Amino acid sequence: MRCWMTVALALSVAPCALHAQGFPSKPVRIVVGFPPGGPSDIVARLLAQQLTERLGRSVIVENRPGATGTIGAEAVARAPADGHSLYLASQTTHATAPYMYANVGYDPVRDFATITLAMQNPLLGVVHPSTGIDSVKSLIAVARARPGQLNFATGGQGSSPHMSVELLKSMGKIDMVPVHYKGDGAAIPEVVGGQVHMMFSSISAWLPYVQAGRVRGIAVTGAKRSTIAPQFPTVAESGLPGFEVVTWFGILAPAGTPREIVGRLHEELVKILAVGAVKEQASKLGMEIVGSSPEAYATFLRAENEKWGKMVKDLKLRAN
């Protein structure tokens, strides 16, 4: 009996082992749910270039924009679970958008296998100098004195710039009005020009304007100060303990992808994230390398869904 059990176990494990040994058997694609040129696209192409060399097969980036990144995510969720279709996930696609649409066609947690949380990017909050605001405390004071009169720019409903200020509003007990744009690139000039009072967005995008005196940086949204802009305090140390928002980028595969393939991809990606040129490029973009384990990423992903899913529901946000 024991002998038969051993044989049965070996037979059950064999298909996974064979899958792993033959992987990759064709080009691998990393799907990005946004147009070329944005942060998700830049991170995906940085990883794809290095992954091509390490896997010995072409790794291509496939842009499938639309519906706040959910079209591309659904395509990967429905793809064969063989490691050849991956998704470059973010807070937007896997923690806010799924709760803004009536049906995105996938569950952001159950329908994916986590590989690694690759990078995260704390945001920098800036205000136009004409506001007279110079800190988070003064922002809250002005907003409380003028409820509903201050506005803030976002890169779109449910985006990190949007949700970060919604969290600030909730924790600071203030009322500010969102002004939504189609992407951060369209929103930033409006803040620089003074048409909108403030915004949270990428540190690297804001630094040139801060250095030129065209906007005033007040705080970063991470749990600790940024290594590329340590002069700015965190929102948490500026009077709102526990405040933390990061734009993150992780690699997912369809649920059911064999553990051996997940392990291979994780191993290669962690090595890539340790490459000096990759770390340097990430730093220029204001991003911090993470390279978490699949298990740690799964825990993080569940926590992000609980945090932002609840906020989306509380705010009754709905996709336009």
Protein backbone atom coordinates (compact mmCIF):
# COMPACT_ATOMS: atom_id res chain seq x y z
CA MET A 1 0.00 0.00 0.00
CA ARG A 2 2.75 2.44 0.95
CA CYS A 3 4.50 1.67 -2.30
CA TRP A 4 1.36 2.47 -4.30
CA MET A 5 0.93 5.73 -2.38
CA THR A 6 4.50 6.70 -3.23
CA VAL A 7 3.90 6.01 -6.92
CA ALA A 8 0.64 8.00 -6.89
CA LEU A 9 2.36 10.96 -5.23
CA ALA A 10 5.16 10.87 -7.76
CA LEU A 11 2.67 10.83 -10.62
CA SER A 12 0.77 13.80 -9.18
CA VAL A 13 3.96 15.85 -8.81
CA ALA A 14 5.41 14.87 -12.19
CA PRO A 15 3.24 17.16 -14.38
CA CYS A 16 4.27 20.26 -12.39
CA ALA A 17 7.92 19.29 -12.58
CA LEU A 18 7.65 18.75 -16.33
CA HIS A 19 5.95 22.12 -16.75
CA ALA A 20 8.74 23.84 -14.85
CA GLN A 21 11.49 22.06 -16.78
CA GLY A 22 9.98 23.14 -20.09
CA PHE A 23 9.38 26.75 -19.07
CA PRO A 24 9.51 29.00 -20.96
CA SER A 25 8.59 27.18 -24.15
CA LYS A 26 7.60 30.34 -26.04
CA PRO A 27 7.80 34.14 -25.65
CA VAL A 28 6.54 35.51 -22.34
CA ARG A 29 4.33 38.60 -22.26
CA ILE A 30 3.96 41.15 -19.49
CA VAL A 31 0.60 42.84 -19.95
CA VAL A 32 0.29 46.49 -18.90
CA GLY A 33 -3.19 47.95 -18.52
CA PHE A 34 -2.14 51.47 -19.51
CA PRO A 35 -0.70 53.22 -22.60
CA PRO A 36 3.06 53.30 -23.29
CA GLY A 37 5.13 55.87 -21.43
CA GLY A 38 3.47 55.75 -18.01
CA PRO A 39 5.01 54.41 -14.78
CA SER A 40 3.57 50.89 -15.19
CA ASP A 41 4.87 50.68 -18.75
CA ILE A 42 8.33 51.94 -17.75
CA VAL A 43 8.65 49.39 -14.93
CA ALA A 44 7.40 46.54 -17.14
CA ARG A 45 9.90 47.33 -19.91
CA LEU A 46 12.75 47.60 -17.42
CA LEU A 47 11.94 44.13 -16.06
CA ALA A 48 11.19 42.62 -19.49
CA GLN A 49 14.56 43.57 -20.91
CA GLN A 50 16.43 41.88 -18.08
CA LEU A 51 14.07 38.91 -17.94
CA THR A 52 14.65 38.22 -21.65
CA GLU A 53 18.34 37.73 -20.96
CA ARG A 54 17.79 35.52 -17.92
CA LEU A 55 15.07 33.27 -19.38
CA GLY A 56 16.63 32.92 -22.81
CA ARG A 57 13.28 33.71 -24.44
CA SER A 58 11.75 36.97 -25.60
CA VAL A 59 9.78 38.78 -22.91
CA ILE A 60 7.54 41.36 -24.52
CA VAL A 61 5.43 44.14 -23.02
CA GLU A 62 1.87 44.20 -24.30
CA ASN A 63 -0.10 47.39 -23.64
CA ARG A 64 -3.83 46.78 -23.28
CA PRO A 65 -5.17 50.09 -21.94
CA GLY A 66 -8.73 50.82 -20.94
CA ALA A 67 -11.11 50.79 -17.98
CA THR A 68 -8.44 51.85 -15.47
CA GLY A 69 -6.20 48.91 -16.30
CA THR A 70 -8.87 46.27 -15.75
CA ILE A 71 -9.10 45.15 -19.39
CA GLY A 72 -5.51 43.94 -19.37
CA ALA A 73 -5.88 42.38 -15.92
CA GLU A 74 -8.92 40.39 -17.02
CA ALA A 75 -7.05 39.14 -20.10
CA VAL A 76 -4.27 37.71 -17.92
CA ALA A 77 -6.70 36.27 -15.37
CA ARG A 78 -8.30 34.28 -18.21
CA ALA A 79 -4.99 33.27 -19.86
CA PRO A 80 -3.52 29.75 -19.56
CA ALA A 81 -1.83 29.28 -16.17
CA ASP A 82 1.54 28.32 -17.64
CA GLY A 83 3.70 31.34 -16.76
CA HIS A 84 3.74 32.80 -20.26
CA SER A 85 1.21 35.55 -19.47
CA LEU A 86 2.04 37.95 -16.63
CA TYR A 87 0.48 41.19 -15.43
CA LEU A 88 2.17 44.33 -14.12
CA ALA A 89 -0.25 45.10 -11.30
CA SER A 90 -0.60 48.29 -9.29
CA GLN A 91 -2.71 49.69 -6.49
CA THR A 92 -5.09 51.07 -9.11
CA THR A 93 -5.68 47.84 -11.01
CA HIS A 94 -5.72 45.51 -8.01
CA ALA A 95 -7.00 47.48 -5.03
CA THR A 96 -9.26 50.31 -6.22
CA ALA A 97 -10.57 49.75 -9.78
CA PRO A 98 -12.08 46.32 -9.01
CA TYR A 99 -14.43 48.05 -6.55
CA MET A 100 -15.30 50.96 -8.84
CA TYR A 101 -16.74 48.86 -11.66
CA ALA A 102 -19.88 46.74 -11.50
CA ASN A 103 -17.99 43.78 -12.97
CA VAL A 104 -14.32 43.81 -13.94
CA GLY A 105 -14.30 40.12 -14.86
CA TYR A 106 -11.76 39.05 -12.25
CA ASP A 107 -11.18 38.82 -8.54
CA PRO A 108 -8.03 40.84 -7.73
CA VAL A 109 -6.86 38.28 -5.17
CA ARG A 110 -8.31 34.85 -5.99
CA ASP A 111 -7.73 34.95 -9.76
CA PHE A 112 -3.98 35.58 -9.61
CA ALA A 113 -0.79 33.93 -8.38
CA THR A 114 1.52 36.42 -6.70
CA ILE A 115 5.16 36.38 -7.83
CA THR A 116 6.79 39.47 -6.34
CA LEU A 117 6.07 43.01 -5.28
CA ALA A 118 8.81 44.58 -7.37
CA MET A 119 8.85 48.28 -6.54
CA GLN A 120 6.93 50.92 -4.66
CA ASN A 121 6.76 54.64 -5.13
CA PRO A 122 5.75 57.06 -2.36
CA LEU A 123 4.11 60.23 -3.59
CA LEU A 124 5.04 63.84 -2.93
CA GLY A 125 2.37 66.31 -1.94
CA VAL A 126 2.77 69.77 -3.41
CA VAL A 127 0.81 73.02 -3.22
CA HIS A 128 0.84 76.10 -5.40
CA PRO A 129 2.77 78.93 -3.67
CA SER A 130 -0.25 81.23 -3.98
CA THR A 131 -2.07 79.18 -1.33
CA GLY A 132 0.37 80.26 1.40
CA ILE A 133 0.42 76.65 2.61
CA ASP A 134 3.82 75.28 3.65
CA SER A 135 3.08 72.05 5.54
CA VAL A 136 0.48 69.35 6.08
CA LYS A 137 -0.58 71.07 9.31
CA SER A 138 -1.17 74.38 7.54
CA LEU A 139 -3.00 72.58 4.71
CA ILE A 140 -5.36 71.02 7.23
CA ALA A 141 -5.80 74.35 9.01
CA VAL A 142 -6.67 76.20 5.80
CA ALA A 143 -9.00 73.41 4.64
CA ARG A 144 -10.84 73.45 7.96
CA ALA A 145 -11.19 77.22 7.82
CA ARG A 146 -12.41 77.08 4.20
CA PRO A 147 -14.35 73.81 3.83
CA GLY A 148 -14.97 72.84 0.21
CA GLN A 149 -12.95 75.78 -1.15
CA LEU A 150 -9.60 74.05 -1.69
CA ASN A 151 -9.32 71.67 -4.63
CA PHE A 152 -6.84 68.97 -5.58
CA ALA A 153 -5.82 67.41 -8.89
CA THR A 154 -5.81 63.68 -9.57
CA GLY A 155 -4.67 61.46 -12.40
CA GLY A 156 -8.16 59.98 -12.55
CA GLN A 157 -10.81 58.71 -10.19
CA GLY A 158 -9.45 55.89 -8.04
CA SER A 159 -5.82 56.63 -8.90
CA SER A 160 -3.14 56.84 -6.21
CA PRO A 161 -3.08 60.68 -6.36
CA HIS A 162 -6.84 60.63 -5.81
CA MET A 163 -6.99 58.04 -3.03
CA SER A 164 -4.04 59.55 -1.15
CA VAL A 165 -5.89 62.85 -0.72
CA GLU A 166 -9.12 61.06 0.13
CA LEU A 167 -7.22 59.32 2.94
CA LEU A 168 -5.80 62.69 4.00
CA LYS A 169 -9.31 64.16 4.03
CA SER A 170 -10.62 61.28 6.11
CA MET A 171 -7.81 61.28 8.67
CA GLY A 172 -7.57 65.09 8.81
CA LYS A 173 -11.36 65.58 8.90
CA ILE A 174 -11.31 68.13 6.09
CA ASP A 175 -13.32 68.81 2.95
CA MET A 176 -11.53 69.36 -0.37
CA VAL A 177 -12.82 69.03 -3.92
CA PRO A 178 -11.23 66.60 -6.43
CA VAL A 179 -10.52 67.69 -10.01
CA HIS A 180 -9.98 64.59 -12.13
CA TYR A 181 -7.72 64.51 -15.20
CA LYS A 182 -6.83 61.77 -17.66
CA GLY A 183 -3.49 60.87 -16.12
CA ASP A 184 -0.94 62.64 -13.94
CA GLY A 185 0.68 64.18 -17.03
CA ALA A 186 -2.45 66.23 -17.70
CA ALA A 187 -2.95 67.17 -14.05
CA ILE A 188 0.54 68.38 -13.12
CA PRO A 189 0.59 71.46 -15.43
CA GLU A 190 -2.72 72.60 -13.91
CA VAL A 191 -1.19 72.65 -10.43
CA VAL A 192 1.99 74.32 -11.67
CA GLY A 193 -0.15 76.98 -13.37
CA GLY A 194 -2.19 77.59 -10.24
CA GLN A 195 -5.52 76.42 -11.69
CA VAL A 196 -5.64 73.73 -8.97
CA HIS A 197 -4.39 74.18 -5.41
CA MET A 198 -2.54 70.94 -4.67
CA MET A 199 -1.77 67.36 -5.69
CA PHE A 200 0.01 64.18 -4.63
CA SER A 201 2.02 62.54 -7.42
CA SER A 202 5.38 60.95 -8.24
CA ILE A 203 8.38 62.47 -6.47
CA SER A 204 10.48 62.42 -9.63
CA ALA A 205 7.74 64.25 -11.57
CA TRP A 206 7.53 67.05 -8.99
CA LEU A 207 11.17 67.65 -8.07
CA PRO A 208 12.05 69.87 -11.08
CA TYR A 209 9.07 72.12 -10.34
CA VAL A 210 9.87 72.22 -6.63
CA GLN A 211 13.49 73.13 -7.32
CA ALA A 212 12.35 75.87 -9.70
CA GLY A 213 10.05 77.30 -7.04
CA ARG A 214 6.93 76.78 -9.12
CA VAL A 215 5.29 74.50 -6.53
CA ARG A 216 6.02 73.88 -2.86
CA GLY A 217 6.63 70.33 -1.59
CA ILE A 218 5.08 69.64 1.81
CA ALA A 219 5.30 65.90 2.55
CA VAL A 220 5.80 62.39 1.19
CA THR A 221 3.22 59.66 1.61
CA GLY A 222 5.47 56.72 2.53
CA ALA A 223 6.06 55.30 6.00
CA LYS A 224 9.58 56.77 5.93
CA ARG A 225 11.31 59.65 4.19
CA SER A 226 12.32 59.21 0.57
CA THR A 227 15.95 58.46 -0.16
CA ILE A 228 15.92 60.79 -3.19
CA ALA A 229 14.16 63.65 -1.40
CA PRO A 230 14.86 63.28 2.33
CA GLN A 231 14.21 66.98 2.95
CA PHE A 232 10.46 66.34 2.90
CA PRO A 233 8.82 64.92 6.05
CA THR A 234 6.27 62.14 5.85
CA VAL A 235 2.58 62.91 6.22
CA ALA A 236 2.63 60.66 9.29
CA GLU A 237 5.29 62.72 11.06
CA SER A 238 3.52 65.91 9.99
CA GLY A 239 0.55 65.29 12.24
CA LEU A 240 -1.31 62.25 10.87
CA PRO A 241 0.26 59.14 12.49
CA GLY A 242 -0.41 55.94 10.55
CA PHE A 243 -0.85 57.67 7.19
CA GLU A 244 0.82 55.69 4.40
CA VAL A 245 0.20 55.50 0.67
CA VAL A 246 2.53 54.02 -1.92
CA THR A 247 2.03 53.39 -5.59
CA TRP A 248 3.26 49.85 -6.04
CA PHE A 249 4.13 47.60 -8.96
CA GLY A 250 4.03 43.83 -8.74
CA ILE A 251 4.12 40.84 -11.06
CA LEU A 252 1.16 38.45 -11.13
CA ALA A 253 0.35 35.30 -13.09
CA PRO A 254 -2.99 33.56 -13.55
CA ALA A 255 -4.20 31.56 -10.55
CA GLY A 256 -3.16 27.92 -10.77
CA THR A 257 0.27 28.62 -12.28
CA PRO A 258 2.52 25.76 -11.08
CA ARG A 259 4.54 26.58 -7.96
CA GLU A 260 7.76 25.65 -9.72
CA ILE A 261 7.15 28.24 -12.44
CA VAL A 262 6.19 30.88 -9.89
CA GLY A 263 9.40 30.02 -8.03
CA ARG A 264 11.52 30.32 -11.17
CA LEU A 265 10.03 33.68 -12.09
CA HIS A 266 10.41 34.96 -8.54
CA GLU A 267 14.05 33.87 -8.39
CA GLU A 268 14.91 35.60 -11.66
CA LEU A 269 13.01 38.79 -10.86
CA VAL A 270 14.64 39.17 -7.44
CA LYS A 271 18.05 38.82 -9.07
CA ILE A 272 17.06 41.44 -11.66
CA LEU A 273 15.95 43.86 -8.95
CA ALA A 274 19.39 43.56 -7.37
CA VAL A 275 21.19 44.60 -10.58
CA GLY A 276 22.91 47.97 -10.15
CA ALA A 277 21.56 49.46 -13.37
CA VAL A 278 18.00 48.49 -12.44
CA LYS A 279 18.34 49.95 -8.94
CA GLU A 280 19.78 53.16 -10.39
CA GLN A 281 16.95 53.51 -12.90
CA ALA A 282 14.36 52.84 -10.20
CA SER A 283 15.93 55.49 -7.99
CA LYS A 284 15.79 58.07 -10.80
CA LEU A 285 12.07 57.36 -11.05
CA GLY A 286 11.67 57.89 -7.31
CA MET A 287 10.94 54.21 -6.75
CA GLU A 288 12.13 51.88 -4.02
CA ILE A 289 13.09 48.26 -4.74
CA VAL A 290 11.11 45.66 -2.77
CA GLY A 291 11.47 42.17 -4.31
CA SER A 292 9.17 40.41 -1.83
CA SER A 293 8.42 36.70 -1.64
CA PRO A 294 5.22 35.41 -3.31
CA GLU A 295 3.75 34.82 0.16
CA ALA A 296 4.57 38.32 1.39
CA TYR A 297 3.11 39.84 -1.77
CA ALA A 298 -0.09 37.81 -1.30
CA THR A 299 -0.45 39.14 2.26
CA PHE A 300 0.24 42.69 1.07
CA LEU A 301 -2.28 42.38 -1.77
CA ARG A 302 -5.04 41.22 0.58
CA ALA A 303 -4.31 44.12 2.96
CA GLU A 304 -4.39 46.67 0.11
CA ASN A 305 -7.76 45.34 -1.04
CA GLU A 306 -9.20 45.62 2.45
CA LYS A 307 -7.86 49.17 2.88
CA TRP A 308 -8.74 50.71 -0.47
CA GLY A 309 -11.77 48.56 -1.28
CA LYS A 310 -13.42 49.84 1.89
CA MET A 311 -12.57 53.45 1.03
CA VAL A 312 -13.95 53.12 -2.50
CA LYS A 313 -17.19 51.72 -1.09
CA ASP A 314 -17.41 54.34 1.66
CA LEU A 315 -16.91 57.14 -0.88
CA LYS A 316 -19.35 55.45 -3.29
CA LEU A 317 -16.86 55.87 -6.15
CA ARG A 318 -18.09 54.60 -9.48
CA ALA A 319 -16.20 54.42 -12.76
CA ASN A 320 -17.40 56.91 -15.36
